[in-house]
């Protein structure tokens, strides 16, 4: 279960560069907590971004996305 209190920040920079940073906590059924931080860098043109935001399909060749999740168990 994802616990309350997580958040994410999305910054759209010039030239279609998007930086997303998210942090949240997951509680595993057996009790341990998993703190998850995810950082994403993506690039795409304005037309592709409008398709993404409107839920339309996007050709993989029209964008680039690098995701870096970090998980810590407590």
N, C-alpha and C. Protein backbone atom coordinates (compact mmCIF):
# COMPACT_ATOMS: atom_id res chain seq x y z
N UNK A 1 0.84 -1.16 0.00
CA UNK A 1 0.00 0.00 0.00
C UNK A 1 0.90 1.24 0.00
N UNK A 2 0.56 2.22 -0.85
CA UNK A 2 1.27 3.49 -0.85
C UNK A 2 0.70 4.35 0.26
N UNK A 3 1.58 4.85 1.13
CA UNK A 3 1.15 5.63 2.30
C UNK A 3 0.92 7.09 1.93
N UNK A 4 0.06 7.78 2.66
CA UNK A 4 -0.16 9.21 2.42
C UNK A 4 1.12 10.00 2.66
N UNK A 5 1.24 11.13 1.99
CA UNK A 5 2.37 12.02 2.24
C UNK A 5 3.39 12.09 1.13
N UNK A 6 3.23 11.31 0.08
CA UNK A 6 4.16 11.40 -1.04
C UNK A 6 3.89 12.63 -1.88
N UNK A 7 4.82 12.95 -2.77
CA UNK A 7 4.65 14.11 -3.64
C UNK A 7 5.51 13.94 -4.88
N UNK A 8 5.18 14.72 -5.89
CA UNK A 8 6.03 14.74 -7.08
C UNK A 8 6.09 16.16 -7.62
N UNK A 9 7.18 16.44 -8.30
CA UNK A 9 7.42 17.74 -8.90
C UNK A 9 7.75 17.53 -10.36
N UNK A 10 7.15 18.33 -11.22
CA UNK A 10 7.33 18.20 -12.66
C UNK A 10 7.74 19.57 -13.19
N UNK A 11 8.92 19.65 -13.77
CA UNK A 11 9.43 20.90 -14.30
C UNK A 11 9.64 20.75 -15.80
N UNK A 12 8.96 21.57 -16.59
CA UNK A 12 9.15 21.55 -18.04
C UNK A 12 10.11 22.69 -18.37
N UNK A 13 11.25 22.32 -18.92
CA UNK A 13 12.27 23.31 -19.26
C UNK A 13 12.19 23.64 -20.75
N UNK A 14 13.05 24.52 -21.19
CA UNK A 14 13.06 24.89 -22.60
C UNK A 14 13.48 23.71 -23.47
N UNK A 15 13.15 23.77 -24.74
CA UNK A 15 13.52 22.75 -25.74
C UNK A 15 12.92 21.38 -25.43
N UNK A 16 11.77 21.34 -24.72
CA UNK A 16 11.08 20.08 -24.51
C UNK A 16 11.69 19.16 -23.49
N UNK A 17 12.51 19.67 -22.59
CA UNK A 17 13.13 18.84 -21.55
C UNK A 17 12.22 18.84 -20.32
N UNK A 18 11.89 17.65 -19.85
CA UNK A 18 11.03 17.50 -18.68
C UNK A 18 11.83 16.81 -17.58
N UNK A 19 11.75 17.36 -16.36
CA UNK A 19 12.41 16.77 -15.20
C UNK A 19 11.33 16.47 -14.17
N UNK A 20 11.18 15.20 -13.82
CA UNK A 20 10.19 14.77 -12.84
C UNK A 20 10.92 14.15 -11.65
N UNK A 21 10.50 14.53 -10.46
CA UNK A 21 11.08 13.98 -9.24
C UNK A 21 9.92 13.59 -8.34
N UNK A 22 9.88 12.34 -7.91
CA UNK A 22 8.78 11.85 -7.07
C UNK A 22 9.34 11.12 -5.86
N UNK A 23 8.62 11.28 -4.74
CA UNK A 23 9.04 10.58 -3.52
C UNK A 23 7.79 10.09 -2.80
N UNK A 24 7.81 8.82 -2.44
CA UNK A 24 6.67 8.24 -1.73
C UNK A 24 7.12 7.02 -0.96
N UNK A 25 6.24 6.53 -0.07
CA UNK A 25 6.57 5.39 0.78
C UNK A 25 5.54 4.29 0.55
N UNK A 26 6.05 3.10 0.42
CA UNK A 26 5.24 1.90 0.20
C UNK A 26 5.37 1.03 1.43
N UNK A 27 4.22 0.53 1.95
CA UNK A 27 4.29 -0.41 3.06
C UNK A 27 3.97 -1.80 2.54
N UNK A 28 4.92 -2.71 2.74
CA UNK A 28 4.75 -4.09 2.31
C UNK A 28 3.85 -4.81 3.31
N UNK A 29 3.07 -5.77 2.85
CA UNK A 29 2.12 -6.50 3.71
C UNK A 29 2.77 -7.05 4.97
N UNK A 30 4.02 -7.48 4.85
CA UNK A 30 4.70 -8.07 6.01
C UNK A 30 5.24 -7.02 6.98
N UNK A 31 5.09 -5.72 6.67
CA UNK A 31 5.47 -4.70 7.63
C UNK A 31 6.53 -3.70 7.22
N UNK A 32 7.60 -4.11 6.51
CA UNK A 32 8.65 -3.14 6.19
C UNK A 32 8.15 -1.99 5.32
N UNK A 33 8.80 -0.83 5.48
CA UNK A 33 8.52 0.33 4.65
C UNK A 33 9.57 0.43 3.55
N UNK A 34 9.15 0.81 2.36
CA UNK A 34 10.07 1.02 1.25
C UNK A 34 9.95 2.48 0.84
N UNK A 35 11.01 3.25 1.04
CA UNK A 35 11.03 4.65 0.62
C UNK A 35 11.51 4.68 -0.83
N UNK A 36 10.70 5.26 -1.70
CA UNK A 36 11.00 5.26 -3.13
C UNK A 36 11.17 6.70 -3.61
N UNK A 37 12.29 6.95 -4.26
CA UNK A 37 12.54 8.23 -4.91
C UNK A 37 12.80 7.92 -6.38
N UNK A 38 12.07 8.60 -7.25
CA UNK A 38 12.22 8.37 -8.68
C UNK A 38 12.52 9.69 -9.37
N UNK A 39 13.57 9.69 -10.18
CA UNK A 39 13.91 10.87 -10.97
C UNK A 39 13.83 10.50 -12.44
N UNK A 40 13.17 11.35 -13.22
CA UNK A 40 12.97 11.09 -14.64
C UNK A 40 13.41 12.31 -15.43
N UNK A 41 14.17 12.06 -16.49
CA UNK A 41 14.51 13.09 -17.48
C UNK A 41 13.93 12.63 -18.80
N UNK A 42 13.24 13.53 -19.48
CA UNK A 42 12.64 13.18 -20.76
C UNK A 42 12.74 14.36 -21.72
N UNK A 43 12.75 14.05 -23.01
CA UNK A 43 12.72 15.10 -24.03
C UNK A 43 11.73 14.71 -25.11
N UNK A 44 11.02 15.69 -25.58
CA UNK A 44 10.11 15.52 -26.71
C UNK A 44 9.70 16.90 -27.21
N UNK A 45 9.21 16.96 -28.43
CA UNK A 45 8.76 18.25 -28.96
C UNK A 45 7.37 18.58 -28.41
N UNK A 46 6.91 19.81 -28.67
CA UNK A 46 5.62 20.26 -28.13
C UNK A 46 4.46 19.39 -28.59
N UNK A 47 4.46 18.99 -29.85
CA UNK A 47 3.37 18.17 -30.39
C UNK A 47 3.28 16.84 -29.66
N UNK A 48 4.43 16.22 -29.41
CA UNK A 48 4.46 14.95 -28.70
C UNK A 48 3.98 15.13 -27.27
N UNK A 49 4.39 16.23 -26.60
CA UNK A 49 3.94 16.48 -25.23
C UNK A 49 2.42 16.64 -25.17
N UNK A 50 1.83 17.31 -26.16
CA UNK A 50 0.38 17.47 -26.18
C UNK A 50 -0.32 16.12 -26.34
N UNK A 51 0.28 15.21 -27.13
CA UNK A 51 -0.31 13.87 -27.27
C UNK A 51 -0.21 13.11 -25.96
N UNK A 52 0.91 13.23 -25.27
CA UNK A 52 1.08 12.56 -23.97
C UNK A 52 0.03 13.06 -22.99
N UNK A 53 -0.11 14.39 -22.85
CA UNK A 53 -1.03 14.97 -21.88
C UNK A 53 -2.49 14.68 -22.21
N UNK A 54 -2.80 14.44 -23.49
CA UNK A 54 -4.19 14.17 -23.86
C UNK A 54 -4.49 12.67 -23.91
N UNK A 55 -3.48 11.83 -23.57
CA UNK A 55 -3.70 10.39 -23.52
C UNK A 55 -3.63 9.69 -24.86
N UNK A 56 -3.16 10.39 -25.89
CA UNK A 56 -3.03 9.78 -27.22
C UNK A 56 -1.75 8.95 -27.28
N UNK A 57 -1.69 7.97 -28.18
CA UNK A 57 -0.47 7.17 -28.31
C UNK A 57 0.69 8.01 -28.83
N UNK A 58 1.88 7.64 -28.42
CA UNK A 58 3.10 8.34 -28.82
C UNK A 58 4.08 7.34 -29.41
N UNK A 59 4.65 7.68 -30.54
CA UNK A 59 5.68 6.84 -31.17
C UNK A 59 6.95 6.91 -30.33
N UNK A 60 7.53 5.78 -30.03
CA UNK A 60 8.74 5.72 -29.19
C UNK A 60 9.89 6.53 -29.77
N UNK A 61 9.92 6.69 -31.08
CA UNK A 61 11.00 7.44 -31.71
C UNK A 61 10.85 8.95 -31.54
N UNK A 62 9.70 9.42 -31.05
CA UNK A 62 9.44 10.84 -30.90
C UNK A 62 9.86 11.39 -29.54
N UNK A 63 10.32 10.53 -28.64
CA UNK A 63 10.69 11.02 -27.32
C UNK A 63 11.78 10.15 -26.72
N UNK A 64 12.39 10.66 -25.65
CA UNK A 64 13.42 9.95 -24.91
C UNK A 64 13.07 10.07 -23.43
N UNK A 65 13.24 9.00 -22.69
CA UNK A 65 12.94 9.03 -21.26
C UNK A 65 13.96 8.17 -20.51
N UNK A 66 14.56 8.73 -19.48
CA UNK A 66 15.50 8.01 -18.62
C UNK A 66 14.94 8.06 -17.20
N UNK A 67 14.68 6.90 -16.62
CA UNK A 67 14.11 6.81 -15.28
C UNK A 67 15.12 6.20 -14.32
N UNK A 68 15.25 6.81 -13.14
CA UNK A 68 16.20 6.34 -12.14
C UNK A 68 15.49 6.18 -10.79
N UNK A 69 14.93 4.98 -10.51
CA UNK A 69 14.30 4.79 -9.20
C UNK A 69 15.33 4.32 -8.16
N UNK A 70 15.15 4.78 -6.94
CA UNK A 70 15.99 4.36 -5.81
C UNK A 70 15.04 3.90 -4.71
N UNK A 71 15.26 2.69 -4.17
CA UNK A 71 14.39 2.14 -3.14
C UNK A 71 15.22 1.78 -1.91
N UNK A 72 14.71 2.19 -0.74
CA UNK A 72 15.37 1.88 0.52
C UNK A 72 14.35 1.20 1.43
N UNK A 73 14.72 0.05 1.95
CA UNK A 73 13.85 -0.69 2.86
C UNK A 73 14.25 -0.36 4.29
N UNK A 74 13.23 -0.04 5.12
CA UNK A 74 13.51 0.27 6.54
C UNK A 74 12.83 -0.73 7.43
